[in-house]
PDB file of N, CA and C in Angstrom:
ATOM      1  N   MET A   1      73.723 131.091  -9.254  1.00  0.00           N
ATOM      2  CA  MET A   1      73.733 130.268  -8.062  1.00  0.00           C
ATOM      3  C   MET A   1      74.584 130.960  -6.998  1.00  0.00           C
ATOM      4  N   ILE A   2      74.012 131.208  -5.865  1.00  0.00           N
ATOM      5  CA  ILE A   2      74.754 131.776  -4.748  1.00  0.00           C
ATOM      6  C   ILE A   2      75.211 130.621  -3.870  1.00  0.00           C
ATOM      7  N   TYR A   3      76.517 130.513  -3.685  1.00  0.00           N
ATOM      8  CA  TYR A   3      77.077 129.416  -2.902  1.00  0.00           C
ATOM      9  C   TYR A   3      76.929 129.693  -1.417  1.00  0.00           C
ATOM     10  N   LEU A   4      77.485 130.782  -0.964  1.00  0.00           N
ATOM     11  CA  LEU A   4      77.383 131.209   0.427  1.00  0.00           C
ATOM     12  C   LEU A   4      77.240 132.724   0.444  1.00  0.00           C
ATOM     13  N   LYS A   5      76.524 133.252   1.380  1.00  0.00           N
ATOM     14  CA  LYS A   5      76.313 134.692   1.482  1.00  0.00           C
ATOM     15  C   LYS A   5      77.517 135.382   2.130  1.00  0.00           C
ATOM     16  N   ASN A   6      77.874 136.538   1.579  1.00  0.00           N
ATOM     17  CA  ASN A   6      78.858 137.450   2.171  1.00  0.00           C
ATOM     18  C   ASN A   6      80.240 136.851   2.415  1.00  0.00           C
ATOM     19  N   VAL A   7      80.708 135.979   1.528  1.00  0.00           N
ATOM     20  CA  VAL A   7      82.054 135.425   1.674  1.00  0.00           C
ATOM     21  C   VAL A   7      82.957 135.700   0.473  1.00  0.00           C
ATOM     22  N   ALA A   8      82.405 136.145  -0.634  1.00  0.00           N
ATOM     23  CA  ALA A   8      83.213 136.382  -1.830  1.00  0.00           C
ATOM     24  C   ALA A   8      84.238 137.486  -1.575  1.00  0.00           C
ATOM     25  N   SER A   9      85.443 137.266  -2.073  1.00  0.00           N
ATOM     26  CA  SER A   9      86.521 138.243  -1.883  1.00  0.00           C
ATOM     27  C   SER A   9      86.542 139.312  -2.976  1.00  0.00           C
ATOM     28  N   LEU A  10      85.525 139.345  -3.804  1.00  0.00           N
ATOM     29  CA  LEU A  10      85.455 140.258  -4.942  1.00  0.00           C
ATOM     30  C   LEU A  10      85.392 141.716  -4.507  1.00  0.00           C
ATOM     31  N   GLY A  11      86.260 142.523  -5.098  1.00  0.00           N
ATOM     32  CA  GLY A  11      86.249 143.962  -4.871  1.00  0.00           C
ATOM     33  C   GLY A  11      86.286 144.687  -6.199  1.00  0.00           C
ATOM     34  N   TYR A  12      85.666 145.843  -6.268  1.00  0.00           N
ATOM     35  CA  TYR A  12      85.566 146.591  -7.519  1.00  0.00           C
ATOM     36  C   TYR A  12      85.685 148.084  -7.231  1.00  0.00           C
ATOM     37  N   ASP A  13      86.556 148.760  -7.995  1.00  0.00           N
ATOM     38  CA  ASP A  13      86.734 150.208  -7.880  1.00  0.00           C
ATOM     39  C   ASP A  13      86.170 150.853  -9.141  1.00  0.00           C
ATOM     40  N   PRO A  14      84.939 151.340  -9.101  1.00  0.00           N
ATOM     41  CA  PRO A  14      84.314 151.899 -10.300  1.00  0.00           C
ATOM     42  C   PRO A  14      85.039 153.125 -10.860  1.00  0.00           C
ATOM     43  N   GLN A  15      85.841 153.802 -10.045  1.00  0.00           N
ATOM     44  CA  GLN A  15      86.568 154.972 -10.540  1.00  0.00           C
ATOM     45  C   GLN A  15      87.690 154.581 -11.492  1.00  0.00           C
ATOM     46  N   LYS A  16      88.179 153.347 -11.399  1.00  0.00           N
ATOM     47  CA  LYS A  16      89.219 152.868 -12.313  1.00  0.00           C
ATOM     48  C   LYS A  16      88.639 152.294 -13.600  1.00  0.00           C
ATOM     49  N   CYS A  17      87.349 152.057 -13.622  1.00  0.00           N
ATOM     50  CA  CYS A  17      86.690 151.447 -14.772  1.00  0.00           C
ATOM     51  C   CYS A  17      86.604 152.435 -15.935  1.00  0.00           C
ATOM     52  N   THR A  18      86.973 151.953 -17.128  1.00  0.00           N
ATOM     53  CA  THR A  18      86.868 152.773 -18.333  1.00  0.00           C
ATOM     54  C   THR A  18      85.731 152.323 -19.240  1.00  0.00           C
ATOM     55  N   GLY A  19      85.031 151.265 -18.833  1.00  0.00           N
ATOM     56  CA  GLY A  19      83.891 150.797 -19.604  1.00  0.00           C
ATOM     57  C   GLY A  19      84.234 149.865 -20.750  1.00  0.00           C
ATOM     58  N   CYS A  20      85.352 149.171 -20.669  1.00  0.00           N
ATOM     59  CA  CYS A  20      85.739 148.272 -21.762  1.00  0.00           C
ATOM     60  C   CYS A  20      84.808 147.058 -21.863  1.00  0.00           C
ATOM     61  N   GLY A  21      84.198 146.653 -20.746  1.00  0.00           N
ATOM     62  CA  GLY A  21      83.233 145.562 -20.761  1.00  0.00           C
ATOM     63  C   GLY A  21      83.807 144.160 -20.710  1.00  0.00           C
ATOM     64  N   ARG A  22      85.115 144.048 -20.541  1.00  0.00           N
ATOM     65  CA  ARG A  22      85.722 142.704 -20.505  1.00  0.00           C
ATOM     66  C   ARG A  22      85.181 141.874 -19.342  1.00  0.00           C
ATOM     67  N   CYS A  23      84.975 142.482 -18.195  1.00  0.00           N
ATOM     68  CA  CYS A  23      84.457 141.751 -17.039  1.00  0.00           C
ATOM     69  C   CYS A  23      83.079 141.168 -17.331  1.00  0.00           C
ATOM     70  N   VAL A  24      82.271 141.921 -18.040  1.00  0.00           N
ATOM     71  CA  VAL A  24      80.932 141.456 -18.407  1.00  0.00           C
ATOM     72  C   VAL A  24      81.035 140.254 -19.338  1.00  0.00           C
ATOM     73  N   GLU A  25      81.977 140.318 -20.277  1.00  0.00           N
ATOM     74  CA  GLU A  25      82.154 139.241 -21.252  1.00  0.00           C
ATOM     75  C   GLU A  25      82.642 137.946 -20.616  1.00  0.00           C
ATOM     76  N   VAL A  26      83.534 138.031 -19.628  1.00  0.00           N
ATOM     77  CA  VAL A  26      84.192 136.821 -19.118  1.00  0.00           C
ATOM     78  C   VAL A  26      83.573 136.241 -17.850  1.00  0.00           C
ATOM     79  N   CYS A  27      82.750 136.970 -17.146  1.00  0.00           N
ATOM     80  CA  CYS A  27      82.186 136.466 -15.892  1.00  0.00           C
ATOM     81  C   CYS A  27      81.165 135.365 -16.171  1.00  0.00           C
ATOM     82  N   PRO A  28      81.440 134.138 -15.693  1.00  0.00           N
ATOM     83  CA  PRO A  28      80.519 133.040 -15.976  1.00  0.00           C
ATOM     84  C   PRO A  28      79.187 133.134 -15.234  1.00  0.00           C
ATOM     85  N   HIS A  29      79.107 133.976 -14.214  1.00  0.00           N
ATOM     86  CA  HIS A  29      77.870 134.085 -13.444  1.00  0.00           C
ATOM     87  C   HIS A  29      77.176 135.434 -13.576  1.00  0.00           C
ATOM     88  N   GLY A  30      77.652 136.273 -14.479  1.00  0.00           N
ATOM     89  CA  GLY A  30      76.982 137.540 -14.732  1.00  0.00           C
ATOM     90  C   GLY A  30      76.979 138.505 -13.569  1.00  0.00           C
ATOM     91  N   VAL A  31      78.077 138.534 -12.816  1.00  0.00           N
ATOM     92  CA  VAL A  31      78.160 139.438 -11.672  1.00  0.00           C
ATOM     93  C   VAL A  31      78.190 140.893 -12.139  1.00  0.00           C
ATOM     94  N   PHE A  32      78.822 141.142 -13.284  1.00  0.00           N
ATOM     95  CA  PHE A  32      78.950 142.511 -13.801  1.00  0.00           C
ATOM     96  C   PHE A  32      78.005 142.742 -14.969  1.00  0.00           C
ATOM     97  N   PHE A  33      77.541 143.977 -15.107  1.00  0.00           N
ATOM     98  CA  PHE A  33      76.747 144.385 -16.259  1.00  0.00           C
ATOM     99  C   PHE A  33      77.101 145.822 -16.594  1.00  0.00           C
ATOM    100  N   MET A  34      76.780 146.234 -17.799  1.00  0.00           N
ATOM    101  CA  MET A  34      77.101 147.592 -18.247  1.00  0.00           C
ATOM    102  C   MET A  34      75.920 148.518 -17.981  1.00  0.00           C
ATOM    103  N   GLN A  35      76.246 149.722 -17.520  1.00  0.00           N
ATOM    104  CA  GLN A  35      75.249 150.756 -17.290  1.00  0.00           C
ATOM    105  C   GLN A  35      75.921 152.104 -17.480  1.00  0.00           C
ATOM    106  N   ASP A  36      75.364 152.934 -18.316  1.00  0.00           N
ATOM    107  CA  ASP A  36      75.932 154.253 -18.603  1.00  0.00           C
ATOM    108  C   ASP A  36      77.402 154.162 -19.013  1.00  0.00           C
ATOM    109  N   LYS A  37      77.702 153.177 -19.868  1.00  0.00           N
ATOM    110  CA  LYS A  37      79.044 152.972 -20.430  1.00  0.00           C
ATOM    111  C   LYS A  37      80.102 152.629 -19.389  1.00  0.00           C
ATOM    112  N   ARG A  38      79.696 152.060 -18.269  1.00  0.00           N
ATOM    113  CA  ARG A  38      80.608 151.611 -17.211  1.00  0.00           C
ATOM    114  C   ARG A  38      80.126 150.258 -16.706  1.00  0.00           C
ATOM    115  N   ALA A  39      81.058 149.483 -16.196  1.00  0.00           N
ATOM    116  CA  ALA A  39      80.680 148.216 -15.569  1.00  0.00           C
ATOM    117  C   ALA A  39      80.103 148.506 -14.186  1.00  0.00           C
ATOM    118  N   VAL A  40      79.134 147.720 -13.822  1.00  0.00           N
ATOM    119  CA  VAL A  40      78.506 147.811 -12.517  1.00  0.00           C
ATOM    120  C   VAL A  40      78.534 146.408 -11.913  1.00  0.00           C
ATOM    121  N   MET A  41      78.898 146.315 -10.648  1.00  0.00           N
ATOM    122  CA  MET A  41      78.869 145.026  -9.974  1.00  0.00           C
ATOM    123  C   MET A  41      77.462 144.796  -9.450  1.00  0.00           C
ATOM    124  N   GLY A  42      76.849 143.716  -9.901  1.00  0.00           N
ATOM    125  CA  GLY A  42      75.506 143.368  -9.459  1.00  0.00           C
ATOM    126  C   GLY A  42      75.559 142.579  -8.161  1.00  0.00           C
ATOM    127  N   GLU A  43      75.025 141.378  -8.199  1.00  0.00           N
ATOM    128  CA  GLU A  43      74.956 140.511  -7.021  1.00  0.00           C
ATOM    129  C   GLU A  43      76.323 139.899  -6.735  1.00  0.00           C
ATOM    130  N   ARG A  44      77.027 140.479  -5.786  1.00  0.00           N
ATOM    131  CA  ARG A  44      78.393 140.060  -5.425  1.00  0.00           C
ATOM    132  C   ARG A  44      78.448 138.602  -4.996  1.00  0.00           C
ATOM    133  N   ASP A  45      77.393 138.111  -4.352  1.00  0.00           N
ATOM    134  CA  ASP A  45      77.385 136.737  -3.864  1.00  0.00           C
ATOM    135  C   ASP A  45      77.305 135.697  -4.981  1.00  0.00           C
ATOM    136  N   LEU A  46      77.076 136.122  -6.211  1.00  0.00           N
ATOM    137  CA  LEU A  46      77.111 135.192  -7.347  1.00  0.00           C
ATOM    138  C   LEU A  46      78.541 134.842  -7.739  1.00  0.00           C
ATOM    139  N   CYS A  47      79.502 135.627  -7.278  1.00  0.00           N
ATOM    140  CA  CYS A  47      80.913 135.426  -7.628  1.00  0.00           C
ATOM    141  C   CYS A  47      81.409 134.088  -7.102  1.00  0.00           C
ATOM    142  N   MET A  48      82.045 133.302  -7.990  1.00  0.00           N
ATOM    143  CA  MET A  48      82.626 132.024  -7.579  1.00  0.00           C
ATOM    144  C   MET A  48      84.141 132.123  -7.469  1.00  0.00           C
ATOM    145  N   GLU A  49      84.661 133.347  -7.534  1.00  0.00           N
ATOM    146  CA  GLU A  49      86.085 133.640  -7.335  1.00  0.00           C
ATOM    147  C   GLU A  49      86.994 132.915  -8.324  1.00  0.00           C
ATOM    148  N   CYS A  50      86.553 132.839  -9.578  1.00  0.00           N
ATOM    149  CA  CYS A  50      87.381 132.183 -10.595  1.00  0.00           C
ATOM    150  C   CYS A  50      88.553 133.064 -11.027  1.00  0.00           C
ATOM    151  N   GLY A  51      88.398 134.386 -10.901  1.00  0.00           N
ATOM    152  CA  GLY A  51      89.467 135.312 -11.236  1.00  0.00           C
ATOM    153  C   GLY A  51      89.464 135.818 -12.667  1.00  0.00           C
ATOM    154  N   ALA A  52      88.512 135.365 -13.481  1.00  0.00           N
ATOM    155  CA  ALA A  52      88.480 135.777 -14.885  1.00  0.00           C
ATOM    156  C   ALA A  52      88.324 137.293 -15.037  1.00  0.00           C
ATOM    157  N   CYS A  53      87.510 137.903 -14.217  1.00  0.00           N
ATOM    158  CA  CYS A  53      87.284 139.346 -14.322  1.00  0.00           C
ATOM    159  C   CYS A  53      88.567 140.120 -14.028  1.00  0.00           C
ATOM    160  N   GLN A  54      89.241 139.739 -12.956  1.00  0.00           N
ATOM    161  CA  GLN A  54      90.482 140.429 -12.577  1.00  0.00           C
ATOM    162  C   GLN A  54      91.558 140.259 -13.651  1.00  0.00           C
ATOM    163  N   LYS A  55      91.712 139.049 -14.151  1.00  0.00           N
ATOM    164  CA  LYS A  55      92.737 138.774 -15.158  1.00  0.00           C
ATOM    165  C   LYS A  55      92.486 139.519 -16.458  1.00  0.00           C
ATOM    166  N   ASN A  56      91.228 139.817 -16.747  1.00  0.00           N
ATOM    167  CA  ASN A  56      90.881 140.475 -18.005  1.00  0.00           C
ATOM    168  C   ASN A  56      90.621 141.966 -17.881  1.00  0.00           C
ATOM    169  N   CYS A  57      90.754 142.521 -16.682  1.00  0.00           N
ATOM    170  CA  CYS A  57      90.560 143.967 -16.499  1.00  0.00           C
ATOM    171  C   CYS A  57      91.896 144.678 -16.695  1.00  0.00           C
ATOM    172  N   PRO A  58      92.057 145.385 -17.812  1.00  0.00           N
ATOM    173  CA  PRO A  58      93.338 146.047 -18.077  1.00  0.00           C
ATOM    174  C   PRO A  58      93.589 147.284 -17.212  1.00  0.00           C
ATOM    175  N   PHE A  59      92.613 147.672 -16.396  1.00  0.00           N
ATOM    176  CA  PHE A  59      92.747 148.901 -15.621  1.00  0.00           C
ATOM    177  C   PHE A  59      92.782 148.652 -14.111  1.00  0.00           C
ATOM    178  N   ASN A  60      92.925 147.385 -13.722  1.00  0.00           N
ATOM    179  CA  ASN A  60      93.020 146.993 -12.302  1.00  0.00           C
ATOM    180  C   ASN A  60      91.866 147.522 -11.450  1.00  0.00           C
ATOM    181  N   ALA A  61      90.680 147.522 -12.028  1.00  0.00           N
ATOM    182  CA  ALA A  61      89.503 147.979 -11.296  1.00  0.00           C
ATOM    183  C   ALA A  61      88.894 146.868 -10.454  1.00  0.00           C
ATOM    184  N   ILE A  62      89.339 145.623 -10.684  1.00  0.00           N
ATOM    185  CA  ILE A  62      88.737 144.471 -10.009  1.00  0.00           C
ATOM    186  C   ILE A  62      89.808 143.686  -9.270  1.00  0.00           C
ATOM    187  N   HIS A  63      89.456 143.255  -8.064  1.00  0.00           N
ATOM    188  CA  HIS A  63      90.347 142.401  -7.289  1.00  0.00           C
ATOM    189  C   HIS A  63      89.538 141.241  -6.718  1.00  0.00           C
ATOM    190  N   VAL A  64      90.088 140.045  -6.842  1.00  0.00           N
ATOM    191  CA  VAL A  64      89.458 138.864  -6.252  1.00  0.00           C
ATOM    192  C   VAL A  64      90.559 137.869  -5.891  1.00  0.00           C
ATOM    193  N   ASN A  65      90.411 137.209  -4.783  1.00  0.00           N
ATOM    194  CA  ASN A  65      91.363 136.173  -4.376  1.00  0.00           C
ATOM    195  C   ASN A  65      90.958 134.875  -5.060  1.00  0.00           C
ATOM    196  N   ALA A  66      91.387 134.709  -6.292  1.00  0.00           N
ATOM    197  CA  ALA A  66      91.016 133.537  -7.078  1.00  0.00           C
ATOM    198  C   ALA A  66      91.558 132.267  -6.439  1.00  0.00           C
ATOM    199  N   GLY A  67      90.746 131.217  -6.503  1.00  0.00           N
ATOM    200  CA  GLY A  67      91.163 129.932  -5.971  1.00  0.00           C
ATOM    201  C   GLY A  67      90.891 129.746  -4.496  1.00  0.00           C
ATOM    202  N   VAL A  68      90.235 130.710  -3.878  1.00  0.00           N
ATOM    203  CA  VAL A  68      89.873 130.562  -2.464  1.00  0.00           C
ATOM    204  C   VAL A  68      88.359 130.533  -2.365  1.00  0.00           C
ATOM    205  N   GLY A  69      87.878 130.286  -1.214  1.00  0.00           N
ATOM    206  CA  GLY A  69      86.447 130.369  -0.968  1.00  0.00           C
ATOM    207  C   GLY A  69      85.621 129.355  -1.728  1.00  0.00           C
ATOM    208  N   CYS A  70      84.456 129.785  -2.136  1.00  0.00           N
ATOM    209  CA  CYS A  70      83.458 128.883  -2.689  1.00  0.00           C
ATOM    210  C   CYS A  70      83.866 128.228  -3.991  1.00  0.00           C
ATOM    211  N   ALA A  71      84.475 128.969  -4.899  1.00  0.00           N
ATOM    212  CA  ALA A  71      84.851 128.383  -6.192  1.00  0.00           C
ATOM    213  C   ALA A  71      85.798 127.216  -5.990  1.00  0.00           C
ATOM    214  N   ASN A  72      86.794 127.414  -5.186  1.00  0.00           N
ATOM    215  CA  ASN A  72      87.755 126.356  -4.913  1.00  0.00           C
ATOM    216  C   ASN A  72      87.067 125.159  -4.256  1.00  0.00           C
ATOM    217  N   ALA A  73      86.178 125.413  -3.326  1.00  0.00           N
ATOM    218  CA  ALA A  73      85.476 124.337  -2.637  1.00  0.00           C
ATOM    219  C   ALA A  73      84.609 123.527  -3.592  1.00  0.00           C
ATOM    220  N   VAL A  74      83.896 124.213  -4.468  1.00  0.00           N
ATOM    221  CA  VAL A  74      83.029 123.519  -5.417  1.00  0.00           C
ATOM    222  C   VAL A  74      83.856 122.707  -6.407  1.00  0.00           C
ATOM    223  N   ILE A  75      84.911 123.284  -6.947  1.00  0.00           N
ATOM    224  CA  ILE A  75      85.771 122.573  -7.892  1.00  0.00           C
ATOM    225  C   ILE A  75      86.405 121.354  -7.226  1.00  0.00           C
ATOM    226  N   ARG A  76      86.902 121.537  -6.010  1.00  0.00           N
ATOM    227  CA  ARG A  76      87.521 120.432  -5.278  1.00  0.00           C
ATOM    228  C   ARG A  76      86.508 119.318  -5.018  1.00  0.00           C
ATOM    229  N   SER A  77      85.278 119.679  -4.677  1.00  0.00           N
ATOM    230  CA  SER A  77      84.260 118.661  -4.396  1.00  0.00           C
ATOM    231  C   SER A  77      83.896 117.881  -5.653  1.00  0.00           C
ATOM    232  N   ILE A  78      83.866 118.551  -6.797  1.00  0.00           N
ATOM    233  CA  ILE A  78      83.583 117.861  -8.055  1.00  0.00           C
ATOM    234  C   ILE A  78      84.710 116.891  -8.383  1.00  0.00           C
ATOM    235  N   ALA A  79      85.943 117.340  -8.197  1.00  0.00           N
ATOM    236  CA  ALA A  79      87.103 116.511  -8.513  1.00  0.00           C
ATOM    237  C   ALA A  79      87.223 115.295  -7.594  1.00  0.00           C
ATOM    238  N   THR A  80      86.828 115.459  -6.341  1.00  0.00           N
ATOM    239  CA  THR A  80      87.007 114.377  -5.366  1.00  0.00           C
ATOM    240  C   THR A  80      85.725 113.611  -5.057  1.00  0.00           C
ATOM    241  N   GLY A  81      84.598 114.129  -5.524  1.00  0.00           N
ATOM    242  CA  GLY A  81      83.329 113.477  -5.248  1.00  0.00           C
ATOM    243  C   GLY A  81      82.842 113.672  -3.820  1.00  0.00           C
ATOM    244  N   SER A  82      83.363 114.680  -3.153  1.00  0.00           N
ATOM    245  CA  SER A  82      82.986 114.947  -1.765  1.00  0.00           C
ATOM    246  C   SER A  82      82.066 116.163  -1.675  1.00  0.00           C
ATOM    247  N   GLU A  83      81.598 116.456  -0.490  1.00  0.00           N
ATOM    248  CA  GLU A  83      80.768 117.642  -0.259  1.00  0.00           C
ATOM    249  C   GLU A  83      81.630 118.889  -0.281  1.00  0.00           C
ATOM    250  N   PRO A  84      81.140 119.986  -0.869  1.00  0.00           N
ATOM    251  CA  PRO A  84      81.917 121.217  -0.883  1.00  0.00           C
ATOM    252  C   PRO A  84      82.031 121.843   0.496  1.00  0.00           C
ATOM    253  N   THR A  85      83.236 122.260   0.828  1.00  0.00           N
ATOM    254  CA  THR A  85      83.452 123.006   2.062  1.00  0.00           C
ATOM    255  C   THR A  85      84.575 124.016   1.818  1.00  0.00           C
ATOM    256  N   CYS A  86      84.330 125.250   2.189  1.00  0.00           N
ATOM    257  CA  CYS A  86      85.328 126.284   1.968  1.00  0.00           C
ATOM    258  C   CYS A  86      86.080 126.616   3.244  1.00  0.00           C
ATOM    259  N   GLY A  87      85.763 125.931   4.319  1.00  0.00           N
ATOM    260  CA  GLY A  87      86.481 126.164   5.563  1.00  0.00           C
ATOM    261  C   GLY A  87      86.123 127.446   6.257  1.00  0.00           C
ATOM    262  N   CYS A  88      85.014 128.044   5.906  1.00  0.00           N
ATOM    263  CA  CYS A  88      84.658 129.332   6.509  1.00  0.00           C
ATOM    264  C   CYS A  88      83.581 129.177   7.584  1.00  0.00           C
ATOM    265  N   SER A  89      83.333 127.973   8.001  1.00  0.00           N
ATOM    266  CA  SER A  89      82.299 127.759   9.006  1.00  0.00           C
ATOM    267  C   SER A  89      82.746 128.330  10.312  1.00  0.00           C
TER     268      SER A  89
END
């Protein structure tokens, strides 16, 4: 599910990747996949900025501002029963 286009704060440095695959294992939306023994970032807009990939990357190849943007808006809307808004309008 793509929440909003071109707003995810997800960044990835493939040169720091050693191919451990942790990002692939923990990403709930399948943003990362393995190719040629390295992680590859697929559809960046699928990222909900939960931060699981960054927290589980032992080589600091991934950066995301967890708790901001769409993920925070969706979680907040579920908790409060309101419409999601990330304030990026």
